[in-house]
């Protein structure tokens, strides 16, 4: 992979990581505000549903943060863009679609087909 492409992905991932960390800080500060008093149980239930939804989103983002950090480490150690299964280069198109991927299209397709066959 060209240095220009690696630089592009490094910058893209660093920016995405920064955005996710900023959002995480906002969530934490929003959860520490004093509790609101809801006289209507329906309003309270709606508030709790929204809060749970936000927590699920943040959990997914937390997992993405870990993947981004691992990907930035792979960039630093020179293994970024190489499939962990077959050790072939992952296409630029696939990396642009999912920069944190660790498998080429063929290996990921095989893995998904196996998971589907096993009912995972």
N, C-alpha and C. Protein backbone atom coordinates (compact mmCIF):
# COMPACT_ATOMS: atom_id res chain seq x y z
N UNK A 1 0.84 -1.17 0.00
CA UNK A 1 0.00 0.00 0.00
C UNK A 1 0.89 1.24 0.00
N UNK A 2 0.44 2.25 -0.71
CA UNK A 2 1.21 3.48 -0.82
C UNK A 2 1.16 4.28 0.48
N UNK A 3 2.23 5.05 0.72
CA UNK A 3 2.30 5.88 1.92
C UNK A 3 1.17 6.89 1.94
N UNK A 4 0.79 7.39 0.78
CA UNK A 4 -0.29 8.36 0.68
C UNK A 4 -1.60 7.75 1.18
N UNK A 5 -1.86 6.49 0.79
CA UNK A 5 -3.08 5.80 1.22
C UNK A 5 -3.05 5.54 2.73
N UNK A 6 -1.91 5.12 3.23
CA UNK A 6 -1.79 4.87 4.67
C UNK A 6 -2.01 6.16 5.45
N UNK A 7 -1.46 7.25 4.96
CA UNK A 7 -1.66 8.55 5.60
C UNK A 7 -3.13 8.96 5.61
N UNK A 8 -3.81 8.69 4.50
CA UNK A 8 -5.25 9.00 4.40
C UNK A 8 -6.02 8.23 5.46
N UNK A 9 -5.78 6.93 5.58
CA UNK A 9 -6.50 6.11 6.56
C UNK A 9 -6.13 6.48 7.99
N UNK A 10 -4.88 6.80 8.22
CA UNK A 10 -4.46 7.19 9.57
C UNK A 10 -5.18 8.47 9.99
N UNK A 11 -5.25 9.44 9.10
CA UNK A 11 -5.94 10.70 9.39
C UNK A 11 -7.44 10.47 9.58
N UNK A 12 -8.03 9.66 8.71
CA UNK A 12 -9.46 9.35 8.79
C UNK A 12 -9.80 8.68 10.12
N UNK A 13 -9.02 7.70 10.51
CA UNK A 13 -9.27 6.97 11.75
C UNK A 13 -9.01 7.84 12.98
N UNK A 14 -7.99 8.67 12.94
CA UNK A 14 -7.70 9.54 14.07
C UNK A 14 -8.84 10.55 14.27
N UNK A 15 -9.36 11.07 13.19
CA UNK A 15 -10.48 12.02 13.27
C UNK A 15 -11.72 11.32 13.82
N UNK A 16 -12.01 10.13 13.33
CA UNK A 16 -13.18 9.38 13.79
C UNK A 16 -13.05 9.04 15.28
N UNK A 17 -11.85 8.66 15.71
CA UNK A 17 -11.60 8.36 17.11
C UNK A 17 -11.84 9.60 17.98
N UNK A 18 -11.34 10.72 17.54
CA UNK A 18 -11.53 11.98 18.28
C UNK A 18 -13.02 12.31 18.40
N UNK A 19 -13.77 12.16 17.31
CA UNK A 19 -15.21 12.43 17.34
C UNK A 19 -15.93 11.50 18.31
N UNK A 20 -15.60 10.22 18.28
CA UNK A 20 -16.24 9.25 19.16
C UNK A 20 -15.92 9.53 20.64
N UNK A 21 -14.69 9.90 20.92
CA UNK A 21 -14.31 10.21 22.30
C UNK A 21 -15.02 11.46 22.80
N UNK A 22 -15.19 12.45 21.94
CA UNK A 22 -15.94 13.66 22.31
C UNK A 22 -17.39 13.32 22.62
N UNK A 23 -17.99 12.47 21.81
CA UNK A 23 -19.37 12.07 22.04
C UNK A 23 -19.50 11.28 23.34
N UNK A 24 -18.52 10.46 23.65
CA UNK A 24 -18.55 9.68 24.88
C UNK A 24 -18.50 10.61 26.08
N UNK A 25 -17.68 11.66 26.01
CA UNK A 25 -17.61 12.63 27.10
C UNK A 25 -18.96 13.32 27.31
N UNK A 26 -19.63 13.65 26.20
CA UNK A 26 -20.94 14.29 26.28
C UNK A 26 -21.96 13.38 26.95
N UNK A 27 -21.90 12.10 26.63
CA UNK A 27 -22.83 11.14 27.22
C UNK A 27 -22.61 11.03 28.73
N UNK A 28 -21.36 10.93 29.13
CA UNK A 28 -21.06 10.81 30.56
C UNK A 28 -21.53 12.06 31.30
N UNK A 29 -21.24 13.23 30.76
CA UNK A 29 -21.66 14.46 31.44
C UNK A 29 -23.18 14.58 31.45
N UNK A 30 -23.86 14.10 30.42
CA UNK A 30 -25.31 14.14 30.37
C UNK A 30 -25.95 13.19 31.37
N UNK A 31 -25.28 12.12 31.69
CA UNK A 31 -25.83 11.14 32.63
C UNK A 31 -25.60 11.55 34.08
N UNK A 32 -24.71 12.48 34.31
CA UNK A 32 -24.43 12.89 35.68
C UNK A 32 -25.24 14.11 36.10
N UNK A 33 -26.06 14.64 35.22
CA UNK A 33 -26.91 15.77 35.59
C UNK A 33 -27.97 15.29 36.57
N UNK A 34 -28.48 16.20 37.38
CA UNK A 34 -29.49 15.79 38.37
C UNK A 34 -30.70 15.13 37.71
N UNK A 35 -31.28 14.17 38.43
CA UNK A 35 -32.42 13.45 37.89
C UNK A 35 -33.63 14.37 37.78
N UNK A 36 -34.33 14.19 36.68
CA UNK A 36 -35.55 14.97 36.49
C UNK A 36 -36.71 14.26 37.15
N UNK A 37 -37.67 15.04 37.59
CA UNK A 37 -38.84 14.47 38.22
C UNK A 37 -39.97 14.42 37.19
N UNK A 38 -40.46 13.21 36.93
CA UNK A 38 -41.53 13.02 35.95
C UNK A 38 -42.80 12.59 36.68
N UNK A 39 -43.77 13.49 36.80
CA UNK A 39 -45.01 13.10 37.47
C UNK A 39 -45.82 12.08 36.67
N UNK A 40 -45.65 12.09 35.36
CA UNK A 40 -46.39 11.17 34.51
C UNK A 40 -45.54 9.92 34.23
N UNK A 41 -46.03 8.74 34.55
CA UNK A 41 -45.25 7.51 34.31
C UNK A 41 -44.90 7.30 32.84
N UNK A 42 -45.74 7.76 31.95
CA UNK A 42 -45.46 7.62 30.52
C UNK A 42 -44.25 8.45 30.11
N UNK A 43 -44.15 9.65 30.65
CA UNK A 43 -42.99 10.51 30.36
C UNK A 43 -41.71 9.87 30.91
N UNK A 44 -41.82 9.31 32.10
CA UNK A 44 -40.67 8.65 32.72
C UNK A 44 -40.22 7.45 31.88
N UNK A 45 -41.18 6.65 31.43
CA UNK A 45 -40.87 5.48 30.61
C UNK A 45 -40.22 5.90 29.30
N UNK A 46 -40.73 6.96 28.70
CA UNK A 46 -40.16 7.46 27.45
C UNK A 46 -38.73 7.93 27.66
N UNK A 47 -38.50 8.63 28.76
CA UNK A 47 -37.15 9.11 29.10
C UNK A 47 -36.19 7.93 29.30
N UNK A 48 -36.64 6.92 30.01
CA UNK A 48 -35.81 5.73 30.25
C UNK A 48 -35.52 4.98 28.95
N UNK A 49 -36.52 4.87 28.07
CA UNK A 49 -36.31 4.21 26.79
C UNK A 49 -35.27 4.95 25.96
N UNK A 50 -35.36 6.27 25.95
CA UNK A 50 -34.38 7.08 25.21
C UNK A 50 -32.98 6.92 25.80
N UNK A 51 -32.92 6.88 27.11
CA UNK A 51 -31.63 6.73 27.79
C UNK A 51 -31.01 5.36 27.48
N UNK A 52 -31.83 4.31 27.53
CA UNK A 52 -31.33 2.97 27.21
C UNK A 52 -30.86 2.88 25.76
N UNK A 53 -31.60 3.50 24.87
CA UNK A 53 -31.21 3.52 23.46
C UNK A 53 -29.85 4.22 23.30
N UNK A 54 -29.68 5.33 24.00
CA UNK A 54 -28.41 6.07 23.93
C UNK A 54 -27.27 5.23 24.48
N UNK A 55 -27.53 4.50 25.54
CA UNK A 55 -26.48 3.64 26.12
C UNK A 55 -26.09 2.51 25.16
N UNK A 56 -27.06 1.96 24.45
CA UNK A 56 -26.74 0.90 23.47
C UNK A 56 -25.88 1.47 22.34
N UNK A 57 -26.22 2.67 21.91
CA UNK A 57 -25.42 3.31 20.86
C UNK A 57 -24.00 3.55 21.36
N UNK A 58 -23.87 4.05 22.57
CA UNK A 58 -22.54 4.32 23.13
C UNK A 58 -21.74 3.03 23.32
N UNK A 59 -22.42 1.94 23.65
CA UNK A 59 -21.73 0.66 23.78
C UNK A 59 -21.15 0.23 22.44
N UNK A 60 -21.93 0.38 21.38
CA UNK A 60 -21.43 0.05 20.04
C UNK A 60 -20.27 0.96 19.67
N UNK A 61 -20.38 2.24 20.02
CA UNK A 61 -19.29 3.17 19.73
C UNK A 61 -18.04 2.82 20.53
N UNK A 62 -18.21 2.35 21.76
CA UNK A 62 -17.07 1.93 22.57
C UNK A 62 -16.32 0.78 21.89
N UNK A 63 -17.08 -0.17 21.35
CA UNK A 63 -16.46 -1.28 20.62
C UNK A 63 -15.73 -0.77 19.39
N UNK A 64 -16.32 0.22 18.71
CA UNK A 64 -15.67 0.80 17.53
C UNK A 64 -14.39 1.54 17.92
N UNK A 65 -14.41 2.20 19.06
CA UNK A 65 -13.21 2.89 19.54
C UNK A 65 -12.06 1.90 19.71
N UNK A 66 -12.36 0.75 20.31
CA UNK A 66 -11.32 -0.29 20.48
C UNK A 66 -10.78 -0.75 19.12
N UNK A 67 -11.70 -0.96 18.17
CA UNK A 67 -11.26 -1.40 16.83
C UNK A 67 -10.41 -0.35 16.16
N UNK A 68 -10.77 0.92 16.31
CA UNK A 68 -10.00 2.00 15.70
C UNK A 68 -8.60 2.05 16.31
N UNK A 69 -8.51 1.92 17.63
CA UNK A 69 -7.20 1.95 18.29
C UNK A 69 -6.33 0.79 17.81
N UNK A 70 -6.92 -0.40 17.66
CA UNK A 70 -6.16 -1.55 17.15
C UNK A 70 -5.72 -1.31 15.71
N UNK A 71 -6.58 -0.69 14.93
CA UNK A 71 -6.24 -0.41 13.53
C UNK A 71 -5.10 0.60 13.46
N UNK A 72 -5.13 1.62 14.30
CA UNK A 72 -4.04 2.60 14.32
C UNK A 72 -2.73 1.92 14.73
N UNK A 73 -2.80 0.92 15.62
CA UNK A 73 -1.60 0.16 15.98
C UNK A 73 -1.10 -0.64 14.78
N UNK A 74 -2.04 -1.22 14.01
CA UNK A 74 -1.64 -1.97 12.82
C UNK A 74 -0.99 -1.05 11.79
N UNK A 75 -1.46 0.19 11.70
CA UNK A 75 -0.82 1.15 10.79
C UNK A 75 0.61 1.39 11.25
N UNK A 76 0.80 1.57 12.55
CA UNK A 76 2.13 1.85 13.09
C UNK A 76 3.09 0.66 12.89
N UNK A 77 2.57 -0.57 13.05
CA UNK A 77 3.49 -1.70 12.93
C UNK A 77 3.55 -2.29 11.52
N UNK A 78 2.86 -1.66 10.58
CA UNK A 78 2.99 -2.04 9.17
C UNK A 78 2.12 -3.20 8.72
N UNK A 79 1.14 -3.60 9.53
CA UNK A 79 0.29 -4.72 9.12
C UNK A 79 -1.10 -4.26 8.64
N UNK A 80 -1.32 -2.96 8.58
CA UNK A 80 -2.60 -2.44 8.12
C UNK A 80 -2.80 -2.78 6.64
N UNK A 81 -4.01 -3.22 6.31
CA UNK A 81 -4.33 -3.52 4.92
C UNK A 81 -3.95 -4.93 4.50
N UNK A 82 -3.54 -5.75 5.45
CA UNK A 82 -3.18 -7.14 5.16
C UNK A 82 -4.17 -8.04 5.89
N UNK A 83 -4.76 -8.97 5.17
CA UNK A 83 -5.76 -9.87 5.72
C UNK A 83 -5.12 -10.77 6.78
N UNK A 84 -5.79 -10.89 7.92
CA UNK A 84 -5.28 -11.74 8.99
C UNK A 84 -5.40 -13.22 8.67
N UNK A 85 -6.28 -13.58 7.75
CA UNK A 85 -6.48 -14.99 7.41
C UNK A 85 -5.49 -15.46 6.34
N UNK A 86 -5.57 -14.82 5.18
CA UNK A 86 -4.78 -15.29 4.03
C UNK A 86 -3.49 -14.49 3.82
N UNK A 87 -3.34 -13.39 4.55
CA UNK A 87 -2.17 -12.52 4.48
C UNK A 87 -2.00 -11.84 3.12
N UNK A 88 -3.10 -11.76 2.35
CA UNK A 88 -3.10 -11.00 1.10
C UNK A 88 -3.51 -9.57 1.41
N UNK A 89 -3.24 -8.67 0.45
CA UNK A 89 -3.64 -7.27 0.64
C UNK A 89 -5.14 -7.12 0.55
N UNK A 90 -5.69 -6.29 1.44
CA UNK A 90 -7.11 -5.95 1.40
C UNK A 90 -7.26 -4.79 0.42
N UNK A 91 -8.28 -4.84 -0.42
CA UNK A 91 -8.45 -3.80 -1.44
C UNK A 91 -8.74 -2.44 -0.80
N UNK A 92 -8.32 -1.40 -1.49
CA UNK A 92 -8.56 -0.02 -1.04
C UNK A 92 -10.07 0.23 -0.92
N UNK A 93 -10.84 -0.31 -1.86
CA UNK A 93 -12.29 -0.11 -1.83
C UNK A 93 -12.90 -0.67 -0.55
N UNK A 94 -12.45 -1.85 -0.15
CA UNK A 94 -12.95 -2.46 1.09
C UNK A 94 -12.51 -1.64 2.30
N UNK A 95 -11.28 -1.18 2.30
CA UNK A 95 -10.78 -0.37 3.42
C UNK A 95 -11.51 0.97 3.50
N UNK A 96 -11.86 1.53 2.36
CA UNK A 96 -12.62 2.79 2.39
C UNK A 96 -14.01 2.56 2.95
N UNK A 97 -14.61 1.41 2.64
CA UNK A 97 -15.94 1.09 3.15
C UNK A 97 -15.90 0.76 4.64
N UNK A 98 -14.85 0.07 5.07
CA UNK A 98 -14.72 -0.34 6.48
C UNK A 98 -13.24 -0.32 6.85
N UNK A 99 -12.74 0.85 7.25
CA UNK A 99 -11.31 0.99 7.54
C UNK A 99 -10.78 0.09 8.66
N UNK A 100 -11.65 -0.37 9.55
CA UNK A 100 -11.19 -1.19 10.68
C UNK A 100 -11.18 -2.68 10.36
N UNK A 101 -11.48 -3.04 9.13
CA UNK A 101 -11.53 -4.46 8.77
C UNK A 101 -10.17 -5.12 8.89
N UNK A 102 -10.21 -6.39 9.22
CA UNK A 102 -8.96 -7.15 9.34
C UNK A 102 -8.91 -8.30 8.34
N UNK A 103 -9.97 -8.41 7.53
CA UNK A 103 -10.04 -9.50 6.56
C UNK A 103 -10.39 -8.97 5.18
N UNK A 104 -9.87 -9.67 4.18
CA UNK A 104 -10.23 -9.35 2.81
C UNK A 104 -11.67 -9.79 2.55
N UNK A 105 -12.21 -9.38 1.43
CA UNK A 105 -13.60 -9.69 1.11
C UNK A 105 -13.85 -11.20 1.06
N UNK A 106 -12.96 -11.93 0.41
CA UNK A 106 -13.15 -13.38 0.27
C UNK A 106 -13.14 -14.10 1.63
N UNK A 107 -12.18 -13.77 2.48
CA UNK A 107 -12.10 -14.43 3.79
C UNK A 107 -13.29 -14.06 4.66
N UNK A 108 -13.72 -12.82 4.62
CA UNK A 108 -14.87 -12.41 5.42
C UNK A 108 -16.13 -13.09 4.90
N UNK A 109 -16.27 -13.23 3.59
CA UNK A 109 -17.43 -13.91 3.02
C UNK A 109 -17.47 -15.37 3.46
N UNK A 110 -16.32 -16.02 3.45
CA UNK A 110 -16.25 -17.42 3.91
C UNK A 110 -16.62 -17.53 5.38
N UNK A 111 -16.12 -16.60 6.18
CA UNK A 111 -16.44 -16.63 7.61
C UNK A 111 -17.92 -16.44 7.86
N UNK A 112 -18.54 -15.51 7.13
CA UNK A 112 -19.97 -15.27 7.29
C UNK A 112 -20.79 -16.45 6.83
N UNK A 113 -20.36 -17.09 5.74
CA UNK A 113 -21.08 -18.28 5.25
C UNK A 113 -21.00 -19.41 6.29
N UNK A 114 -19.85 -19.58 6.92
CA UNK A 114 -19.68 -20.59 7.95
C UNK A 114 -20.57 -20.28 9.16
N UNK A 115 -20.59 -19.02 9.57
CA UNK A 115 -21.45 -18.61 10.70
C UNK A 115 -22.93 -18.88 10.38
N UNK A 116 -23.31 -18.58 9.16
CA UNK A 116 -24.69 -18.81 8.76
C UNK A 116 -25.02 -20.30 8.78
N UNK A 117 -24.10 -21.10 8.29
CA UNK A 117 -24.31 -22.56 8.25
C UNK A 117 -24.38 -23.14 9.66
N UNK A 118 -23.61 -22.59 10.57
CA UNK A 118 -23.60 -23.08 11.95
C UNK A 118 -24.71 -22.45 12.79
N UNK A 119 -25.38 -21.45 12.24
CA UNK A 119 -26.46 -20.78 12.96
C UNK A 119 -25.99 -19.85 14.04
N UNK A 120 -24.82 -19.27 13.84
CA UNK A 120 -24.23 -18.36 14.85
C UNK A 120 -24.76 -16.96 14.62
